Amino acid sequence: MSETITDTTTEAAVKNPDIEHIIEILPVLSPERIKEAASYIDYLADRERRHRAFVEETLEAEQEEGYTFDTVEEAMEFIRNWSEETA
């Protein structure tokens, strides 16, 4: 059987002591609490994806010749304009 990315990710995650602890606790939670936990984890994962995208776009923008940012707002404005131009 071929190994997929999901299999590899799951295998690595299960070796993480924090994830092992969460897996051990899940059976004692009510179905409602499990849904709440799943929703919160989805929220955290979305924030992490957005943060990674922000960092990547900011690093790309800073590599452009002549662009430096003194504030986060300046960087965000550049990224918004740059994303619209490249879309």
PDB file of N, CA and C in Angstrom:
ATOM      1  N   MET A   1       0.850  -1.184   0.000  1.00  0.00           N
ATOM      2  CA  MET A   1       0.000   0.000   0.000  1.00  0.00           C
ATOM      3  C   MET A   1       0.889   1.239   0.000  1.00  0.00           C
ATOM      4  N   SER A   2       0.574   2.224  -0.836  1.00  0.00           N
ATOM      5  CA  SER A   2       1.382   3.432  -0.895  1.00  0.00           C
ATOM      6  C   SER A   2       1.005   4.374   0.228  1.00  0.00           C
ATOM      7  N   GLU A   3       2.015   5.080   0.701  1.00  0.00           N
ATOM      8  CA  GLU A   3       1.814   6.027   1.804  1.00  0.00           C
ATOM      9  C   GLU A   3       1.408   7.376   1.233  1.00  0.00           C
ATOM     10  N   THR A   4       0.396   7.987   1.808  1.00  0.00           N
ATOM     11  CA  THR A   4      -0.055   9.298   1.354  1.00  0.00           C
ATOM     12  C   THR A   4       0.479  10.369   2.284  1.00  0.00           C
ATOM     13  N   ILE A   5       0.324  11.613   1.854  1.00  0.00           N
ATOM     14  CA  ILE A   5       0.735  12.743   2.707  1.00  0.00           C
ATOM     15  C   ILE A   5      -0.042  12.715   4.007  1.00  0.00           C
ATOM     16  N   THR A   6      -1.340  12.394   3.926  1.00  0.00           N
ATOM     17  CA  THR A   6      -2.175  12.351   5.126  1.00  0.00           C
ATOM     18  C   THR A   6      -1.662  11.290   6.088  1.00  0.00           C
ATOM     19  N   ASP A   7      -1.290  10.100   5.550  1.00  0.00           N
ATOM     20  CA  ASP A   7      -0.750   9.053   6.413  1.00  0.00           C
ATOM     21  C   ASP A   7       0.507   9.523   7.115  1.00  0.00           C
ATOM     22  N   THR A   8       1.385  10.160   6.372  1.00  0.00           N
ATOM     23  CA  THR A   8       2.647  10.647   6.939  1.00  0.00           C
ATOM     24  C   THR A   8       2.389  11.719   7.984  1.00  0.00           C
ATOM     25  N   THR A   9       1.487  12.638   7.691  1.00  0.00           N
ATOM     26  CA  THR A   9       1.155  13.708   8.631  1.00  0.00           C
ATOM     27  C   THR A   9       0.537  13.143   9.893  1.00  0.00           C
ATOM     28  N   THR A  10      -0.389  12.218   9.737  1.00  0.00           N
ATOM     29  CA  THR A  10      -1.043  11.603  10.891  1.00  0.00           C
ATOM     30  C   THR A  10      -0.034  10.851  11.740  1.00  0.00           C
ATOM     31  N   GLU A  11       0.841  10.110  11.089  1.00  0.00           N
ATOM     32  CA  GLU A  11       1.859   9.361  11.820  1.00  0.00           C
ATOM     33  C   GLU A  11       2.762  10.291  12.620  1.00  0.00           C
ATOM     34  N   ALA A  12       3.199  11.382  12.010  1.00  0.00           N
ATOM     35  CA  ALA A  12       4.050  12.345  12.700  1.00  0.00           C
ATOM     36  C   ALA A  12       3.293  13.021  13.834  1.00  0.00           C
ATOM     37  N   ALA A  13       2.018  13.333  13.609  1.00  0.00           N
ATOM     38  CA  ALA A  13       1.213  14.018  14.620  1.00  0.00           C
ATOM     39  C   ALA A  13       1.010  13.130  15.845  1.00  0.00           C
ATOM     40  N   VAL A  14       0.787  11.850  15.627  1.00  0.00           N
ATOM     41  CA  VAL A  14       0.532  10.953  16.750  1.00  0.00           C
ATOM     42  C   VAL A  14       1.771  10.826  17.632  1.00  0.00           C
ATOM     43  N   LYS A  15       2.943  11.067  17.090  1.00  0.00           N
ATOM     44  CA  LYS A  15       4.171  11.006  17.884  1.00  0.00           C
ATOM     45  C   LYS A  15       4.364  12.254  18.736  1.00  0.00           C
ATOM     46  N   ASN A  16       3.562  13.290  18.499  1.00  0.00           N
ATOM     47  CA  ASN A  16       3.637  14.527  19.268  1.00  0.00           C
ATOM     48  C   ASN A  16       2.931  14.304  20.605  1.00  0.00           C
ATOM     49  N   PRO A  17       3.612  14.527  21.735  1.00  0.00           N
ATOM     50  CA  PRO A  17       2.992  14.270  23.043  1.00  0.00           C
ATOM     51  C   PRO A  17       1.727  15.089  23.297  1.00  0.00           C
ATOM     52  N   ASP A  18       1.671  16.320  22.792  1.00  0.00           N
ATOM     53  CA  ASP A  18       0.463  17.135  22.989  1.00  0.00           C
ATOM     54  C   ASP A  18      -0.719  16.526  22.244  1.00  0.00           C
ATOM     55  N   ILE A  19      -0.473  16.054  21.034  1.00  0.00           N
ATOM     56  CA  ILE A  19      -1.551  15.441  20.256  1.00  0.00           C
ATOM     57  C   ILE A  19      -1.965  14.122  20.888  1.00  0.00           C
ATOM     58  N   GLU A  20      -1.008  13.358  21.371  1.00  0.00           N
ATOM     59  CA  GLU A  20      -1.337  12.113  22.074  1.00  0.00           C
ATOM     60  C   GLU A  20      -2.239  12.406  23.273  1.00  0.00           C
ATOM     61  N   HIS A  21      -1.930  13.461  24.000  1.00  0.00           N
ATOM     62  CA  HIS A  21      -2.734  13.842  25.166  1.00  0.00           C
ATOM     63  C   HIS A  21      -4.160  14.207  24.742  1.00  0.00           C
ATOM     64  N   ILE A  22      -4.286  14.980  23.673  1.00  0.00           N
ATOM     65  CA  ILE A  22      -5.618  15.370  23.179  1.00  0.00           C
ATOM     66  C   ILE A  22      -6.413  14.134  22.782  1.00  0.00           C
ATOM     67  N   ILE A  23      -5.776  13.202  22.084  1.00  0.00           N
ATOM     68  CA  ILE A  23      -6.454  11.980  21.655  1.00  0.00           C
ATOM     69  C   ILE A  23      -6.931  11.181  22.870  1.00  0.00           C
ATOM     70  N   GLU A  24      -6.128  11.163  23.920  1.00  0.00           N
ATOM     71  CA  GLU A  24      -6.513  10.443  25.138  1.00  0.00           C
ATOM     72  C   GLU A  24      -7.717  11.084  25.819  1.00  0.00           C
ATOM     73  N   ILE A  25      -7.851  12.401  25.743  1.00  0.00           N
ATOM     74  CA  ILE A  25      -8.933  13.107  26.428  1.00  0.00           C
ATOM     75  C   ILE A  25     -10.255  13.029  25.653  1.00  0.00           C
ATOM     76  N   LEU A  26     -10.201  12.942  24.353  1.00  0.00           N
ATOM     77  CA  LEU A  26     -11.404  13.017  23.522  1.00  0.00           C
ATOM     78  C   LEU A  26     -12.530  12.071  23.949  1.00  0.00           C
ATOM     79  N   PRO A  27     -12.252  10.830  24.309  1.00  0.00           N
ATOM     80  CA  PRO A  27     -13.361   9.933  24.677  1.00  0.00           C
ATOM     81  C   PRO A  27     -14.196  10.392  25.870  1.00  0.00           C
ATOM     82  N   VAL A  28     -13.650  11.238  26.741  1.00  0.00           N
ATOM     83  CA  VAL A  28     -14.424  11.671  27.909  1.00  0.00           C
ATOM     84  C   VAL A  28     -15.293  12.884  27.603  1.00  0.00           C
ATOM     85  N   LEU A  29     -15.116  13.486  26.439  1.00  0.00           N
ATOM     86  CA  LEU A  29     -15.908  14.664  26.087  1.00  0.00           C
ATOM     87  C   LEU A  29     -17.254  14.267  25.493  1.00  0.00           C
ATOM     88  N   SER A  30     -18.235  15.127  25.724  1.00  0.00           N
ATOM     89  CA  SER A  30     -19.548  14.909  25.126  1.00  0.00           C
ATOM     90  C   SER A  30     -19.471  15.219  23.632  1.00  0.00           C
ATOM     91  N   PRO A  31     -20.421  14.717  22.844  1.00  0.00           N
ATOM     92  CA  PRO A  31     -20.419  15.014  21.401  1.00  0.00           C
ATOM     93  C   PRO A  31     -20.430  16.519  21.116  1.00  0.00           C
ATOM     94  N   GLU A  32     -21.144  17.287  21.938  1.00  0.00           N
ATOM     95  CA  GLU A  32     -21.193  18.731  21.744  1.00  0.00           C
ATOM     96  C   GLU A  32     -19.814  19.364  21.955  1.00  0.00           C
ATOM     97  N   ARG A  33     -19.114  18.918  22.995  1.00  0.00           N
ATOM     98  CA  ARG A  33     -17.780  19.457  23.280  1.00  0.00           C
ATOM     99  C   ARG A  33     -16.785  19.061  22.189  1.00  0.00           C
ATOM    100  N   ILE A  34     -16.935  17.866  21.647  1.00  0.00           N
ATOM    101  CA  ILE A  34     -16.059  17.434  20.561  1.00  0.00           C
ATOM    102  C   ILE A  34     -16.281  18.316  19.336  1.00  0.00           C
ATOM    103  N   LYS A  35     -17.545  18.648  19.047  1.00  0.00           N
ATOM    104  CA  LYS A  35     -17.840  19.557  17.927  1.00  0.00           C
ATOM    105  C   LYS A  35     -17.224  20.931  18.175  1.00  0.00           C
ATOM    106  N   GLU A  36     -17.324  21.429  19.415  1.00  0.00           N
ATOM    107  CA  GLU A  36     -16.728  22.718  19.758  1.00  0.00           C
ATOM    108  C   GLU A  36     -15.210  22.671  19.566  1.00  0.00           C
ATOM    109  N   ALA A  37     -14.594  21.588  20.028  1.00  0.00           N
ATOM    110  CA  ALA A  37     -13.143  21.449  19.889  1.00  0.00           C
ATOM    111  C   ALA A  37     -12.759  21.396  18.413  1.00  0.00           C
ATOM    112  N   ALA A  38     -13.514  20.658  17.616  1.00  0.00           N
ATOM    113  CA  ALA A  38     -13.224  20.558  16.181  1.00  0.00           C
ATOM    114  C   ALA A  38     -13.359  21.924  15.513  1.00  0.00           C
ATOM    115  N   SER A  39     -14.381  22.673  15.873  1.00  0.00           N
ATOM    116  CA  SER A  39     -14.573  24.010  15.306  1.00  0.00           C
ATOM    117  C   SER A  39     -13.414  24.928  15.675  1.00  0.00           C
ATOM    118  N   TYR A  40     -12.981  24.851  16.923  1.00  0.00           N
ATOM    119  CA  TYR A  40     -11.871  25.691  17.372  1.00  0.00           C
ATOM    120  C   TYR A  40     -10.577  25.311  16.653  1.00  0.00           C
ATOM    121  N   ILE A  41     -10.348  24.028  16.483  1.00  0.00           N
ATOM    122  CA  ILE A  41      -9.142  23.583  15.773  1.00  0.00           C
ATOM    123  C   ILE A  41      -9.192  24.031  14.318  1.00  0.00           C
ATOM    124  N   ASP A  42     -10.378  23.968  13.689  1.00  0.00           N
ATOM    125  CA  ASP A  42     -10.525  24.486  12.325  1.00  0.00           C
ATOM    126  C   ASP A  42     -10.173  25.976  12.275  1.00  0.00           C
ATOM    127  N   TYR A  43     -10.660  26.721  13.260  1.00  0.00           N
ATOM    128  CA  TYR A  43     -10.373  28.153  13.348  1.00  0.00           C
ATOM    129  C   TYR A  43      -8.868  28.397  13.461  1.00  0.00           C
ATOM    130  N   LEU A  44      -8.212  27.655  14.355  1.00  0.00           N
ATOM    131  CA  LEU A  44      -6.770  27.819  14.525  1.00  0.00           C
ATOM    132  C   LEU A  44      -6.008  27.458  13.249  1.00  0.00           C
ATOM    133  N   ALA A  45      -6.428  26.402  12.577  1.00  0.00           N
ATOM    134  CA  ALA A  45      -5.768  25.994  11.334  1.00  0.00           C
ATOM    135  C   ALA A  45      -5.930  27.064  10.265  1.00  0.00           C
ATOM    136  N   ASP A  46      -7.121  27.673  10.186  1.00  0.00           N
ATOM    137  CA  ASP A  46      -7.347  28.745   9.217  1.00  0.00           C
ATOM    138  C   ASP A  46      -6.447  29.942   9.525  1.00  0.00           C
ATOM    139  N   ARG A  47      -6.342  30.309  10.788  1.00  0.00           N
ATOM    140  CA  ARG A  47      -5.452  31.418  11.163  1.00  0.00           C
ATOM    141  C   ARG A  47      -4.007  31.111  10.813  1.00  0.00           C
ATOM    142  N   GLU A  48      -3.597  29.870  11.024  1.00  0.00           N
ATOM    143  CA  GLU A  48      -2.220  29.479  10.700  1.00  0.00           C
ATOM    144  C   GLU A  48      -1.987  29.576   9.191  1.00  0.00           C
ATOM    145  N   ARG A  49      -2.954  29.120   8.387  1.00  0.00           N
ATOM    146  CA  ARG A  49      -2.821  29.221   6.927  1.00  0.00           C
ATOM    147  C   ARG A  49      -2.731  30.679   6.496  1.00  0.00           C
ATOM    148  N   ARG A  50      -3.572  31.524   7.072  1.00  0.00           N
ATOM    149  CA  ARG A  50      -3.543  32.947   6.730  1.00  0.00           C
ATOM    150  C   ARG A  50      -2.220  33.594   7.135  1.00  0.00           C
ATOM    151  N   HIS A  51      -1.711  33.218   8.297  1.00  0.00           N
ATOM    152  CA  HIS A  51      -0.445  33.780   8.762  1.00  0.00           C
ATOM    153  C   HIS A  51       0.690  33.376   7.827  1.00  0.00           C
ATOM    154  N   ARG A  52       0.718  32.101   7.452  1.00  0.00           N
ATOM    155  CA  ARG A  52       1.770  31.640   6.531  1.00  0.00           C
ATOM    156  C   ARG A  52       1.697  32.393   5.215  1.00  0.00           C
ATOM    157  N   ALA A  53       0.476  32.573   4.696  1.00  0.00           N
ATOM    158  CA  ALA A  53       0.316  33.309   3.439  1.00  0.00           C
ATOM    159  C   ALA A  53       0.812  34.738   3.596  1.00  0.00           C
ATOM    160  N   PHE A  54       0.479  35.372   4.709  1.00  0.00           N
ATOM    161  CA  PHE A  54       0.922  36.738   4.965  1.00  0.00           C
ATOM    162  C   PHE A  54       2.445  36.813   4.987  1.00  0.00           C
ATOM    163  N   VAL A  55       3.069  35.896   5.702  1.00  0.00           N
ATOM    164  CA  VAL A  55       4.527  35.901   5.803  1.00  0.00           C
ATOM    165  C   VAL A  55       5.147  35.694   4.429  1.00  0.00           C
ATOM    166  N   GLU A  56       4.651  34.729   3.674  1.00  0.00           N
ATOM    167  CA  GLU A  56       5.202  34.470   2.344  1.00  0.00           C
ATOM    168  C   GLU A  56       5.043  35.678   1.429  1.00  0.00           C
ATOM    169  N   GLU A  57       3.863  36.276   1.434  1.00  0.00           N
ATOM    170  CA  GLU A  57       3.628  37.436   0.572  1.00  0.00           C
ATOM    171  C   GLU A  57       4.476  38.627   1.005  1.00  0.00           C
ATOM    172  N   THR A  58       4.645  38.799   2.307  1.00  0.00           N
ATOM    173  CA  THR A  58       5.470  39.903   2.798  1.00  0.00           C
ATOM    174  C   THR A  58       6.928  39.702   2.399  1.00  0.00           C
ATOM    175  N   LEU A  59       7.423  38.485   2.549  1.00  0.00           N
ATOM    176  CA  LEU A  59       8.805  38.207   2.159  1.00  0.00           C
ATOM    177  C   LEU A  59       9.006  38.406   0.658  1.00  0.00           C
ATOM    178  N   GLU A  60       8.031  37.980  -0.151  1.00  0.00           N
ATOM    179  CA  GLU A  60       8.120  38.197  -1.597  1.00  0.00           C
ATOM    180  C   GLU A  60       8.141  39.683  -1.923  1.00  0.00           C
ATOM    181  N   ALA A  61       7.276  40.437  -1.260  1.00  0.00           N
ATOM    182  CA  ALA A  61       7.206  41.876  -1.517  1.00  0.00           C
ATOM    183  C   ALA A  61       8.500  42.573  -1.111  1.00  0.00           C
ATOM    184  N   GLU A  62       9.078  42.164   0.011  1.00  0.00           N
ATOM    185  CA  GLU A  62      10.315  42.794   0.464  1.00  0.00           C
ATOM    186  C   GLU A  62      11.479  42.487  -0.470  1.00  0.00           C
ATOM    187  N   GLN A  63      11.404  41.372  -1.183  1.00  0.00           N
ATOM    188  CA  GLN A  63      12.473  41.018  -2.107  1.00  0.00           C
ATOM    189  C   GLN A  63      12.410  41.840  -3.391  1.00  0.00           C
ATOM    190  N   GLU A  64      11.257  42.437  -3.664  1.00  0.00           N
ATOM    191  CA  GLU A  64      11.136  43.305  -4.830  1.00  0.00           C
ATOM    192  C   GLU A  64      12.067  44.501  -4.629  1.00  0.00           C
ATOM    193  N   GLU A  65      12.729  44.915  -5.661  1.00  0.00           N
ATOM    194  CA  GLU A  65      13.695  46.002  -5.567  1.00  0.00           C
ATOM    195  C   GLU A  65      13.013  47.303  -5.128  1.00  0.00           C
ATOM    196  N   GLY A  66      13.567  47.907  -4.098  1.00  0.00           N
ATOM    197  CA  GLY A  66      13.102  49.218  -3.673  1.00  0.00           C
ATOM    198  C   GLY A  66      11.932  49.218  -2.705  1.00  0.00           C
ATOM    199  N   TYR A  67      11.455  48.064  -2.277  1.00  0.00           N
ATOM    200  CA  TYR A  67      10.322  48.033  -1.361  1.00  0.00           C
ATOM    201  C   TYR A  67      10.786  47.708   0.043  1.00  0.00           C
ATOM    202  N   THR A  68      10.524  48.625   0.953  1.00  0.00           N
ATOM    203  CA  THR A  68      10.740  48.370   2.377  1.00  0.00           C
ATOM    204  C   THR A  68       9.518  48.900   3.107  1.00  0.00           C
ATOM    205  N   PHE A  69       9.246  48.318   4.242  1.00  0.00           N
ATOM    206  CA  PHE A  69       8.047  48.675   4.989  1.00  0.00           C
ATOM    207  C   PHE A  69       8.416  49.077   6.403  1.00  0.00           C
ATOM    208  N   ASP A  70       7.873  50.207   6.817  1.00  0.00           N
ATOM    209  CA  ASP A  70       8.116  50.685   8.175  1.00  0.00           C
ATOM    210  C   ASP A  70       7.044  50.215   9.145  1.00  0.00           C
ATOM    211  N   THR A  71       5.873  49.871   8.606  1.00  0.00           N
ATOM    212  CA  THR A  71       4.781  49.416   9.458  1.00  0.00           C
ATOM    213  C   THR A  71       4.107  48.217   8.815  1.00  0.00           C
ATOM    214  N   VAL A  72       3.373  47.488   9.628  1.00  0.00           N
ATOM    215  CA  VAL A  72       2.590  46.354   9.125  1.00  0.00           C
ATOM    216  C   VAL A  72       1.534  46.864   8.153  1.00  0.00           C
ATOM    217  N   GLU A  73       0.975  48.023   8.444  1.00  0.00           N
ATOM    218  CA  GLU A  73      -0.055  48.584   7.574  1.00  0.00           C
ATOM    219  C   GLU A  73       0.491  48.829   6.166  1.00  0.00           C
ATOM    220  N   GLU A  74       1.710  49.346   6.075  1.00  0.00           N
ATOM    221  CA  GLU A  74       2.323  49.575   4.770  1.00  0.00           C
ATOM    222  C   GLU A  74       2.503  48.250   4.028  1.00  0.00           C
ATOM    223  N   ALA A  75       2.958  47.244   4.733  1.00  0.00           N
ATOM    224  CA  ALA A  75       3.157  45.932   4.116  1.00  0.00           C
ATOM    225  C   ALA A  75       1.827  45.349   3.651  1.00  0.00           C
ATOM    226  N   MET A  76       0.803  45.461   4.486  1.00  0.00           N
ATOM    227  CA  MET A  76      -0.517  44.927   4.122  1.00  0.00           C
ATOM    228  C   MET A  76      -1.079  45.653   2.903  1.00  0.00           C
ATOM    229  N   GLU A  77      -0.949  46.953   2.846  1.00  0.00           N
ATOM    230  CA  GLU A  77      -1.443  47.723   1.703  1.00  0.00           C
ATOM    231  C   GLU A  77      -0.724  47.298   0.424  1.00  0.00           C
ATOM    232  N   PHE A  78       0.586  47.128   0.512  1.00  0.00           N
ATOM    233  CA  PHE A  78       1.348  46.679  -0.647  1.00  0.00           C
ATOM    234  C   PHE A  78       0.875  45.298  -1.094  1.00  0.00           C
ATOM    235  N   ILE A  79       0.685  44.400  -0.129  1.00  0.00           N
ATOM    236  CA  ILE A  79       0.252  43.037  -0.460  1.00  0.00           C
ATOM    237  C   ILE A  79      -1.120  43.056  -1.110  1.00  0.00           C
ATOM    238  N   ARG A  80      -2.035  43.847  -0.579  1.00  0.00           N
ATOM    239  CA  ARG A  80      -3.379  43.925  -1.190  1.00  0.00           C
ATOM    240  C   ARG A  80      -3.284  44.410  -2.630  1.00  0.00           C
ATOM    241  N   ASN A  81      -2.528  45.465  -2.851  1.00  0.00           N
ATOM    242  CA  ASN A  81      -2.389  46.000  -4.208  1.00  0.00           C
ATOM    243  C   ASN A  81      -1.666  45.023  -5.120  1.00  0.00           C
ATOM    244  N   TRP A  82      -0.630  44.381  -4.601  1.00  0.00           N
ATOM    245  CA  TRP A  82       0.147  43.423  -5.386  1.00  0.00           C
ATOM    246  C   TRP A  82      -0.699  42.213  -5.742  1.00  0.00           C
ATOM    247  N   SER A  83      -1.493  41.720  -4.781  1.00  0.00           N
ATOM    248  CA  SER A  83      -2.353  40.558  -5.038  1.00  0.00           C
ATOM    249  C   SER A  83      -3.389  40.872  -6.112  1.00  0.00           C
ATOM    250  N   GLU A  84      -3.946  42.077  -6.088  1.00  0.00           N
ATOM    251  CA  GLU A  84      -4.940  42.477  -7.084  1.00  0.00           C
ATOM    252  C   GLU A  84      -4.301  42.586  -8.464  1.00  0.00           C
ATOM    253  N   GLU A  85      -3.072  43.070  -8.529  1.00  0.00           N
ATOM    254  CA  GLU A  85      -2.389  43.231  -9.808  1.00  0.00           C
ATOM    255  C   GLU A  85      -2.009  41.893 -10.418  1.00  0.00           C
ATOM    256  N   THR A  86      -1.670  40.907  -9.587  1.00  0.00           N
ATOM    257  CA  THR A  86      -1.232  39.615 -10.090  1.00  0.00           C
ATOM    258  C   THR A  86      -2.373  38.633 -10.291  1.00  0.00           C
ATOM    259  N   ALA A  87      -3.559  38.999  -9.837  1.00  0.00           N
ATOM    260  CA  ALA A  87      -4.721  38.090  -9.958  1.00  0.00           C
ATOM    261  C   ALA A  87      -5.269  38.058 -11.364  1.00  0.00           C
TER     262      ALA A  87
END
